[in-house]
Amino acid sequence: MPAMGVLRIVSMAAALMGLASPALAQLRSEPPLSDEQGGLLLETQGYELWLPAPHWLDTPGSQSDDIMAMVDATFRAAEGEALLEIYPQGEGEALWTSLYGVRLSTDSSFDLTSYRDAVISGFARNCDPQRAGFFQLGADEGGDLAPLGYVCGAFDPRLRTYEGLGEVMVMSFRKDGDAVALIFQQWRGKSFDPADPSSWPVETSVVEATAQQLRAEPRLTRAD
């Protein structure tokens, strides 16, 4: 990955769109998730989404049929919307350093480009605007959008829960019919200089490899 100074900055927008709505926050249930062909299969909202194993499972066991035994997961769903979050075993919502997940919305009026723009707009306000940036990992190829990268060296000071923290994120996008899916991987650590990749909470080689995997491998289809 090149230095931040030559990355393609996509946008610095100002509207807020979090990953969890109030409705989703109230409707937690057992994740409809299972081991499938060396990855994980999410079945929700009339769709199936196959995901590669989390990147942190880089041992031979990550390709076995016991991935569910090596991660912790939470799931929330409301009508037309679902959110899956996967953590390294022993981590959780409050203390995670690595988070892998999916937000799936059905009956969406967005095309993927508009959906990506909305995602950019949402995350921009979560971060100190002087320490935030978006970059594209590759080129769009028609309806196949390149993964989107996001760096937040420090959160907006008004988000006191996240004081002293920063994060890096990779997002990939899928659409089938009226359903859109945001597949994401986040890394969180102490606040950092977004222009200095050596200060990030994850190595840039891991960011690149994860982006390539999340572009090539997830499969979103209607359930039979």
Protein backbone atom coordinates (compact mmCIF):
# COMPACT_ATOMS: atom_id res chain seq x y z
CA MET A 1 0.00 0.00 0.00
CA PRO A 2 1.37 3.45 -0.84
CA ALA A 3 1.75 6.18 1.75
CA MET A 4 -1.37 8.13 2.63
CA GLY A 5 -0.19 11.13 0.67
CA VAL A 6 -0.70 9.33 -2.65
CA LEU A 7 -3.78 7.33 -1.76
CA ARG A 8 -6.93 8.27 -3.61
CA ILE A 9 -9.05 10.17 -1.10
CA VAL A 10 -12.67 9.42 -1.90
CA SER A 11 -14.55 11.83 0.34
CA MET A 12 -14.67 13.71 3.63
CA ALA A 13 -18.40 13.92 4.27
CA ALA A 14 -20.41 15.06 7.26
CA ALA A 15 -23.60 13.04 7.83
CA LEU A 16 -23.76 10.33 10.47
CA MET A 17 -24.61 6.71 9.69
CA GLY A 18 -23.54 4.20 12.34
CA LEU A 19 -23.38 0.44 11.88
CA ALA A 20 -26.19 -0.21 14.37
CA SER A 21 -29.59 1.45 14.44
CA PRO A 22 -31.60 1.77 17.68
CA ALA A 23 -33.98 -0.94 16.43
CA LEU A 24 -31.13 -3.37 15.82
CA ALA A 25 -29.63 -2.62 19.22
CA GLN A 26 -32.79 -3.99 20.87
CA LEU A 27 -33.17 -7.21 18.89
CA ARG A 28 -30.22 -9.45 19.65
CA SER A 29 -30.45 -13.17 18.95
CA GLU A 30 -28.31 -16.24 18.34
CA PRO A 31 -26.30 -15.70 15.14
CA PRO A 32 -27.74 -17.71 12.20
CA LEU A 33 -24.18 -18.60 11.31
CA SER A 34 -22.55 -21.92 10.49
CA ASP A 35 -19.28 -23.38 9.29
CA GLU A 36 -19.37 -23.91 5.54
CA GLN A 37 -16.57 -24.88 3.11
CA GLY A 38 -13.75 -23.37 5.16
CA GLY A 39 -15.69 -20.18 5.82
CA LEU A 40 -18.90 -19.01 7.49
CA LEU A 41 -22.44 -18.97 6.12
CA LEU A 42 -24.86 -16.30 7.33
CA GLU A 43 -28.55 -16.97 6.64
CA THR A 44 -30.84 -14.00 7.29
CA GLN A 45 -33.52 -11.80 5.71
CA GLY A 46 -34.14 -14.37 2.98
CA TYR A 47 -30.49 -14.31 1.86
CA GLU A 48 -27.36 -16.37 2.27
CA LEU A 49 -23.96 -14.71 2.54
CA TRP A 50 -20.82 -16.84 2.49
CA LEU A 51 -17.82 -15.23 4.17
CA PRO A 52 -14.16 -16.25 4.21
CA ALA A 53 -12.73 -17.12 7.61
CA PRO A 54 -11.60 -14.14 9.72
CA HIS A 55 -8.12 -13.03 8.74
CA TRP A 56 -6.76 -13.47 12.27
CA LEU A 57 -7.30 -17.23 12.02
CA ASP A 58 -4.13 -17.72 10.00
CA THR A 59 -3.38 -21.14 11.47
CA PRO A 60 -4.20 -24.43 9.71
CA GLY A 61 -7.33 -24.66 11.88
CA SER A 62 -8.82 -21.66 10.13
CA GLN A 63 -9.62 -23.84 7.12
CA SER A 64 -11.24 -26.60 9.17
CA ASP A 65 -14.90 -26.97 10.04
CA ASP A 66 -14.61 -25.56 13.55
CA ILE A 67 -14.35 -21.79 12.91
CA MET A 68 -17.42 -21.17 15.07
CA ALA A 69 -15.55 -22.68 18.01
CA MET A 70 -12.69 -20.19 17.57
CA VAL A 71 -14.65 -16.91 17.47
CA ASP A 72 -17.27 -15.00 19.43
CA ALA A 73 -20.20 -13.42 17.57
CA THR A 74 -23.23 -11.21 18.13
CA PHE A 75 -26.22 -10.79 15.86
CA ARG A 76 -29.04 -8.24 15.70
CA ALA A 77 -31.94 -8.16 13.27
CA ALA A 78 -35.03 -6.08 12.57
CA GLU A 79 -37.36 -6.06 9.59
CA GLY A 80 -35.25 -5.65 6.48
CA GLU A 81 -31.96 -5.25 8.34
CA ALA A 82 -29.35 -7.42 10.07
CA LEU A 83 -25.97 -6.87 11.69
CA LEU A 84 -23.42 -9.60 12.41
CA GLU A 85 -20.24 -8.91 14.38
CA ILE A 86 -17.46 -11.47 14.83
CA TYR A 87 -14.63 -11.08 17.36
CA PRO A 88 -11.52 -13.04 18.22
CA GLN A 89 -12.41 -15.48 20.96
CA GLY A 90 -12.22 -13.75 24.34
CA GLU A 91 -12.88 -10.28 22.95
CA GLY A 92 -16.29 -8.63 22.75
CA GLU A 93 -18.24 -5.47 22.01
CA ALA A 94 -16.50 -3.33 24.61
CA LEU A 95 -12.86 -4.38 24.30
CA TRP A 96 -12.29 -5.66 20.79
CA THR A 97 -9.11 -4.98 18.84
CA SER A 98 -10.30 -6.72 15.67
CA LEU A 99 -13.90 -6.85 14.41
CA TYR A 100 -15.23 -8.66 11.33
CA GLY A 101 -18.82 -8.28 10.29
CA VAL A 102 -21.68 -7.68 7.92
CA ARG A 103 -24.56 -5.28 7.69
CA LEU A 104 -27.30 -6.52 5.35
CA SER A 105 -30.23 -4.35 4.27
CA THR A 106 -33.08 -5.54 2.07
CA ASP A 107 -35.61 -3.52 0.06
CA SER A 108 -32.86 -0.99 -0.54
CA SER A 109 -33.33 1.80 -3.05
CA PHE A 110 -29.54 2.34 -3.26
CA ASP A 111 -27.34 1.23 -6.07
CA LEU A 112 -23.93 0.17 -4.77
CA THR A 113 -22.18 3.44 -5.60
CA SER A 114 -24.83 5.45 -3.75
CA TYR A 115 -24.66 3.02 -0.86
CA ARG A 116 -20.90 3.44 -0.66
CA ASP A 117 -21.33 7.22 -0.67
CA ALA A 118 -23.78 6.93 2.23
CA VAL A 119 -21.33 4.78 4.17
CA ILE A 120 -18.58 7.35 3.63
CA SER A 121 -20.89 10.10 4.83
CA GLY A 122 -21.72 8.14 7.95
CA PHE A 123 -18.24 7.30 9.10
CA ALA A 124 -16.79 10.72 8.40
CA ARG A 125 -18.45 12.38 11.37
CA ASN A 126 -17.33 9.69 13.82
CA CYS A 127 -13.74 10.85 13.44
CA ASP A 128 -11.73 14.01 14.10
CA PRO A 129 -11.86 15.58 10.60
CA GLN A 130 -8.16 16.44 10.80
CA ARG A 131 -7.27 12.79 11.32
CA ALA A 132 -9.58 10.95 8.95
CA GLY A 133 -9.37 9.73 5.39
CA PHE A 134 -10.92 7.32 2.90
CA PHE A 135 -9.08 5.52 0.14
CA GLN A 136 -9.99 3.05 -2.56
CA LEU A 137 -8.10 -0.25 -2.73
CA GLY A 138 -8.15 -0.90 -6.45
CA ALA A 139 -10.35 0.25 -9.30
CA ASP A 140 -14.10 -0.10 -9.76
CA GLU A 141 -15.00 -2.52 -12.54
CA GLY A 142 -18.57 -1.80 -13.55
CA GLY A 143 -20.82 -3.03 -10.73
CA ASP A 144 -17.86 -4.60 -8.94
CA LEU A 145 -16.77 -1.85 -6.57
CA ALA A 146 -13.25 -1.78 -5.19
CA PRO A 147 -12.97 -2.15 -1.41
CA LEU A 148 -13.01 1.07 0.55
CA GLY A 149 -10.42 1.86 3.20
CA TYR A 150 -10.98 4.18 6.14
CA VAL A 151 -8.49 5.52 8.66
CA CYS A 152 -9.48 7.41 11.78
CA GLY A 153 -6.44 8.43 13.78
CA ALA A 154 -8.62 9.79 16.59
CA PHE A 155 -12.37 9.81 17.14
CA ASP A 156 -14.48 12.96 17.38
CA PRO A 157 -13.84 14.36 20.89
CA ARG A 158 -17.58 14.28 21.56
CA LEU A 159 -17.42 10.46 21.48
CA ARG A 160 -15.89 10.24 24.93
CA THR A 161 -16.12 6.47 25.11
CA TYR A 162 -13.51 6.33 22.32
CA GLU A 163 -11.12 8.92 23.70
CA GLY A 164 -7.51 8.00 22.96
CA LEU A 165 -8.46 5.42 20.32
CA GLY A 166 -8.25 5.19 16.55
CA GLU A 167 -9.15 2.60 13.94
CA VAL A 168 -8.53 1.33 10.45
CA MET A 169 -11.28 -0.28 8.41
CA VAL A 170 -11.73 -2.13 5.12
CA MET A 171 -15.20 -2.37 3.56
CA SER A 172 -16.48 -4.44 0.66
CA PHE A 173 -19.90 -4.15 -0.98
CA ARG A 174 -22.35 -6.63 -2.47
CA LYS A 175 -25.78 -6.32 -4.06
CA ASP A 176 -28.32 -8.94 -5.10
CA GLY A 177 -31.79 -7.81 -6.11
CA ASP A 178 -32.93 -5.27 -3.52
CA ALA A 179 -30.40 -6.40 -0.91
CA VAL A 180 -27.14 -4.62 -0.22
CA ALA A 181 -24.42 -5.92 2.05
CA LEU A 182 -21.53 -4.10 3.70
CA ILE A 183 -18.79 -6.54 4.68
CA PHE A 184 -16.22 -4.97 6.95
CA GLN A 185 -13.06 -5.59 8.93
CA GLN A 186 -11.93 -3.11 11.58
CA TRP A 187 -8.79 -2.83 13.68
CA ARG A 188 -8.74 -0.59 16.76
CA GLY A 189 -5.88 0.62 18.92
CA LYS A 190 -4.41 3.76 20.42
CA SER A 191 -4.82 7.01 18.47
CA PHE A 192 -2.32 7.42 15.64
CA ASP A 193 -1.14 9.59 12.77
CA PRO A 194 -3.17 8.54 9.70
CA ALA A 195 -0.42 9.87 7.41
CA ASP A 196 2.09 7.44 8.97
CA PRO A 197 1.05 3.84 8.23
CA SER A 198 3.74 2.57 10.62
CA SER A 199 1.65 4.03 13.47
CA TRP A 200 -1.58 2.25 12.46
CA PRO A 201 -2.98 -0.55 14.66
CA VAL A 202 -2.54 -2.99 11.76
CA GLU A 203 0.17 -3.55 9.18
CA THR A 204 -0.65 -2.21 5.72
CA SER A 205 0.13 -5.63 4.21
CA VAL A 206 -2.73 -7.07 6.29
CA VAL A 207 -5.04 -4.27 5.15
CA GLU A 208 -4.21 -4.99 1.51
CA ALA A 209 -4.58 -8.76 1.85
CA THR A 210 -7.90 -8.42 3.66
CA ALA A 211 -9.22 -6.01 1.02
CA GLN A 212 -8.30 -8.41 -1.77
CA GLN A 213 -9.98 -11.30 0.03
CA LEU A 214 -13.16 -9.37 0.83
CA ARG A 215 -13.43 -8.27 -2.79
CA ALA A 216 -12.93 -11.70 -4.29
CA GLU A 217 -14.54 -14.22 -1.96
CA PRO A 218 -17.86 -13.27 -0.27
CA ARG A 219 -20.99 -14.53 -2.05
CA LEU A 220 -24.46 -13.02 -1.55
CA THR A 221 -27.43 -14.97 -2.94
CA ARG A 222 -31.12 -15.37 -2.30
CA ALA A 223 -31.91 -18.33 -0.06
CA ASP A 224 -33.64 -21.28 -1.73
